[in-house]
C-alpha atoms as a PDB file:
ATOM      1  CA  MET A   1     -17.822  20.881 -18.616  1.00  0.00           C
ATOM      2  CA  LYS A   2     -14.775  21.900 -16.611  1.00  0.00           C
ATOM      3  CA  LYS A   3     -13.970  19.874 -13.487  1.00  0.00           C
ATOM      4  CA  ARG A   4     -13.137  21.490 -10.197  1.00  0.00           C
ATOM      5  CA  ALA A   5      -9.447  21.424  -9.314  1.00  0.00           C
ATOM      6  CA  SER A   6     -10.167  19.569  -6.077  1.00  0.00           C
ATOM      7  CA  GLN A   7     -11.896  16.812  -8.021  1.00  0.00           C
ATOM      8  CA  LYS A   8      -8.879  16.455 -10.321  1.00  0.00           C
ATOM      9  CA  ALA A   9      -6.596  16.226  -7.286  1.00  0.00           C
ATOM     10  CA  ALA A  10      -8.823  13.584  -5.715  1.00  0.00           C
ATOM     11  CA  GLU A  11      -8.827  11.523  -8.930  1.00  0.00           C
ATOM     12  CA  TYR A  12      -5.046  11.766  -9.136  1.00  0.00           C
ATOM     13  CA  SER A  13      -4.717  10.617  -5.511  1.00  0.00           C
ATOM     14  CA  ILE A  14      -6.879   7.582  -6.258  1.00  0.00           C
ATOM     15  CA  GLU A  15      -4.809   6.723  -9.349  1.00  0.00           C
ATOM     16  CA  ARG A  16      -1.560   7.147  -7.415  1.00  0.00           C
ATOM     17  CA  ALA A  17      -2.801   4.942  -4.554  1.00  0.00           C
ATOM     18  CA  GLU A  18      -3.800   2.268  -7.073  1.00  0.00           C
ATOM     19  CA  TRP A  19      -0.341   2.423  -8.684  1.00  0.00           C
ATOM     20  CA  TYR A  20       1.329   1.884  -5.291  1.00  0.00           C
ATOM     21  CA  ARG A  21      -1.053  -1.000  -4.533  1.00  0.00           C
ATOM     22  CA  GLN A  22      -0.111  -2.656  -7.830  1.00  0.00           C
ATOM     23  CA  GLN A  23       3.588  -2.169  -7.080  1.00  0.00           C
ATOM     24  CA  CYS A  24       3.053  -3.799  -3.680  1.00  0.00           C
ATOM     25  CA  ASP A  25       1.352  -6.755  -5.378  1.00  0.00           C
ATOM     26  CA  GLU A  26       4.374  -7.144  -7.677  1.00  0.00           C
ATOM     27  CA  ILE A  27       6.844  -7.115  -4.781  1.00  0.00           C
ATOM     28  CA  LEU A  28       4.730  -9.565  -2.775  1.00  0.00           C
ATOM     29  CA  PHE A  29       4.509 -11.938  -5.740  1.00  0.00           C
ATOM     30  CA  GLN A  30       8.242 -11.744  -6.480  1.00  0.00           C
ATOM     31  CA  LYS A  31       9.184 -12.412  -2.861  1.00  0.00           C
ATOM     32  CA  GLY A  32       6.514 -15.062  -2.314  1.00  0.00           C
ATOM     33  CA  ILE A  33       4.983 -13.305   0.668  1.00  0.00           C
ATOM     34  CA  GLU A  34       1.445 -12.375   1.630  1.00  0.00           C
ATOM     35  CA  LEU A  35       0.162  -9.131   3.097  1.00  0.00           C
ATOM     36  CA  GLN A  36      -2.329  -9.040   5.975  1.00  0.00           C
ATOM     37  CA  ILE A  37      -3.893  -5.757   7.076  1.00  0.00           C
ATOM     38  CA  ASP A  38      -5.485  -5.578  10.517  1.00  0.00           C
ATOM     39  CA  ASP A  39      -6.802  -2.060  11.247  1.00  0.00           C
ATOM     40  CA  LEU A  40      -3.658   0.103  11.052  1.00  0.00           C
ATOM     41  CA  ASN A  41      -1.204  -2.779  11.474  1.00  0.00           C
ATOM     42  CA  VAL A  42       0.252  -4.365   8.359  1.00  0.00           C
ATOM     43  CA  TYR A  43       1.816  -7.818   8.532  1.00  0.00           C
ATOM     44  CA  VAL A  44       3.712  -9.948   6.059  1.00  0.00           C
ATOM     45  CA  LYS A  45       3.172 -13.680   6.101  1.00  0.00           C
ATOM     46  CA  GLN A  46       5.748 -16.100   4.774  1.00  0.00           C
ATOM     47  CA  ASN A  47       6.116 -19.807   5.537  1.00  0.00           C
ATOM     48  CA  ASP A  48       3.306 -19.651   8.137  1.00  0.00           C
ATOM     49  CA  GLN A  49       5.188 -16.908  10.000  1.00  0.00           C
ATOM     50  CA  ARG A  50       3.471 -13.539  10.464  1.00  0.00           C
ATOM     51  CA  THR A  51       5.663 -10.494  11.079  1.00  0.00           C
ATOM     52  CA  LEU A  52       4.646  -6.882  11.693  1.00  0.00           C
ATOM     53  CA  LEU A  53       5.758  -4.791   8.733  1.00  0.00           C
ATOM     54  CA  LEU A  54       4.498  -1.392   9.910  1.00  0.00           C
ATOM     55  CA  GLU A  55       1.749   0.570  11.589  1.00  0.00           C
ATOM     56  CA  ILE A  56       0.023   2.905   9.154  1.00  0.00           C
ATOM     57  CA  ALA A  57       0.599   6.533  10.142  1.00  0.00           C
ATOM     58  CA  ASN A  58      -1.948   8.012   7.731  1.00  0.00           C
ATOM     59  CA  PRO A  59      -4.725   5.869   6.196  1.00  0.00           C
ATOM     60  CA  LYS A  60      -4.808   8.168   3.147  1.00  0.00           C
ATOM     61  CA  THR A  61      -1.218   7.200   2.279  1.00  0.00           C
ATOM     62  CA  MET A  62      -1.497   3.546   3.298  1.00  0.00           C
ATOM     63  CA  TRP A  63      -0.313   1.995   0.014  1.00  0.00           C
ATOM     64  CA  PHE A  64       2.590   4.416  -0.278  1.00  0.00           C
ATOM     65  CA  GLU A  65       3.729   3.561   3.259  1.00  0.00           C
ATOM     66  CA  ILE A  66       3.434  -0.169   2.583  1.00  0.00           C
ATOM     67  CA  TRP A  67       5.297   0.174  -0.717  1.00  0.00           C
ATOM     68  CA  LEU A  68       8.165   2.023   0.995  1.00  0.00           C
ATOM     69  CA  LYS A  69       8.547  -0.723   3.604  1.00  0.00           C
ATOM     70  CA  LEU A  70       8.301  -3.556   1.087  1.00  0.00           C
ATOM     71  CA  ALA A  71      10.789  -1.891  -1.250  1.00  0.00           C
ATOM     72  CA  GLU A  72      13.420  -1.697   1.498  1.00  0.00           C
ATOM     73  CA  ARG A  73      13.040  -5.370   2.526  1.00  0.00           C
END
């Protein structure tokens, strides 16, 4: 059975989001920091200090946005 193109695109988006989430986990582990997400605000916590990392512009691209910010830190 052939899948609809939109379903393939949706599956790819999910896989891509998961890849970015895993990359974020790697960066967080390497830097010894923790991520806290509160609605659209994303914070990093290190040594009991919580700092705003970014405000999510588009919930659909949340992990990509977080990854970009973490990668530049």
